[in-house]
Amino acid sequence: MITVMNRKELIATYDMRVQSEVRDLLAHNHIDYQVKVVNRKSSSPIGPGMRAYTGTMGEKLDMEGEYIIYVKKDEYDAAWEVIKDVDVSPRR
């Protein structure tokens, strides 16, 4: 089980393709992982969110969601070896 105390960030990306490929590789190699999805345009308990004030004109919508993948600290090196060849360059 992955907890806040025993996890380490493996990769953070805005690209859904990259996070999908990393998750597939980790699962195929039986490495436990946890994904945190951060929606940069979502509201918070304090305010309604930036979309209500700014809209989306001129913004890169592909940068709206961030995917942070965590693994257990003691599995970090093995996980990195598995994903080190993933192409993380953005596709256009």
Protein backbone atom coordinates (compact mmCIF):
# COMPACT_ATOMS: atom_id res chain seq x y z
CA MET A 1 0.00 0.00 0.00
CA ILE A 2 1.29 3.42 -0.94
CA THR A 3 0.94 6.13 1.69
CA VAL A 4 2.11 9.72 1.94
CA MET A 5 4.96 8.58 4.21
CA ASN A 6 6.39 5.87 1.94
CA ARG A 7 5.92 7.33 -1.54
CA LYS A 8 8.18 9.23 -3.92
CA GLU A 9 7.23 11.20 -7.02
CA LEU A 10 8.31 9.33 -10.12
CA ILE A 11 7.10 11.69 -12.84
CA ALA A 12 4.81 14.67 -13.33
CA THR A 13 3.39 15.43 -16.78
CA TYR A 14 0.60 17.29 -18.51
CA ASP A 15 0.55 14.77 -21.36
CA MET A 16 -2.14 12.08 -21.13
CA ARG A 17 -0.19 9.86 -23.53
CA VAL A 18 2.90 9.93 -21.33
CA GLN A 19 1.01 9.14 -18.12
CA SER A 20 -0.80 6.30 -19.85
CA GLU A 21 2.42 4.79 -21.17
CA VAL A 22 4.13 5.10 -17.76
CA ARG A 23 1.17 3.49 -16.01
CA ASP A 24 1.12 0.62 -18.51
CA LEU A 25 4.83 -0.03 -18.02
CA LEU A 26 4.56 0.05 -14.23
CA ALA A 27 1.56 -2.27 -14.21
CA HIS A 28 3.23 -4.68 -16.64
CA ASN A 29 6.27 -4.85 -14.34
CA HIS A 30 4.14 -5.32 -11.19
CA ILE A 31 5.20 -2.01 -9.61
CA ASP A 32 2.56 -0.38 -7.42
CA TYR A 33 1.84 3.23 -8.28
CA GLN A 34 -0.57 6.00 -7.40
CA VAL A 35 -1.74 8.77 -9.72
CA LYS A 36 -2.78 12.20 -8.56
CA VAL A 37 -4.65 14.29 -11.13
CA VAL A 38 -4.60 18.03 -10.60
CA ASN A 39 -7.09 20.10 -12.58
CA ARG A 40 -5.56 23.57 -12.79
CA LYS A 41 -8.89 25.17 -13.70
CA SER A 42 -11.02 23.56 -11.00
CA SER A 43 -12.58 25.53 -8.22
CA SER A 44 -11.40 25.47 -4.64
CA PRO A 45 -13.26 25.72 -1.34
CA ILE A 46 -12.22 29.38 -1.20
CA GLY A 47 -13.21 30.53 -4.68
CA PRO A 48 -15.05 29.53 -7.83
CA GLY A 49 -11.87 28.95 -9.85
CA MET A 50 -10.11 30.97 -12.48
CA ARG A 51 -12.40 29.97 -15.35
CA ALA A 52 -15.18 32.14 -13.93
CA TYR A 53 -12.90 35.18 -14.09
CA THR A 54 -10.68 34.55 -17.10
CA GLY A 55 -12.41 32.05 -19.36
CA THR A 56 -10.20 29.93 -21.59
CA MET A 57 -9.39 32.24 -24.49
CA GLY A 58 -5.70 32.06 -25.32
CA GLU A 59 -4.95 29.27 -22.86
CA LYS A 60 -3.45 25.93 -23.75
CA LEU A 61 -6.17 23.52 -22.73
CA ASP A 62 -3.76 20.59 -22.88
CA MET A 63 -2.02 22.14 -19.86
CA GLU A 64 -5.19 22.04 -17.79
CA GLY A 65 -4.64 18.64 -16.17
CA GLU A 66 -1.42 17.56 -14.48
CA TYR A 67 -0.69 13.89 -13.74
CA ILE A 68 1.65 13.10 -10.87
CA ILE A 69 2.69 9.46 -10.52
CA TYR A 70 4.02 8.18 -7.21
CA VAL A 71 5.69 4.88 -6.37
CA LYS A 72 6.95 3.37 -3.12
CA LYS A 73 10.30 4.81 -2.07
CA ASP A 74 11.94 1.39 -2.05
CA GLU A 75 10.68 0.68 -5.60
CA TYR A 76 11.71 4.04 -7.06
CA ASP A 77 14.95 2.84 -8.69
CA ALA A 78 13.24 -0.16 -10.28
CA ALA A 79 10.39 2.03 -11.51
CA TRP A 80 12.81 4.53 -13.01
CA GLU A 81 14.65 1.77 -14.88
CA VAL A 82 11.33 0.65 -16.35
CA ILE A 83 10.24 4.11 -17.59
CA LYS A 84 13.56 5.79 -18.40
CA ASP A 85 13.09 5.30 -22.16
CA VAL A 86 9.60 6.80 -22.33
CA ASP A 87 9.45 9.68 -24.82
CA VAL A 88 8.23 12.59 -22.72
CA SER A 89 8.46 15.21 -25.47
CA PRO A 90 5.08 16.76 -26.27
CA ARG A 91 3.44 15.66 -29.50
CA ARG A 92 1.99 18.32 -31.75
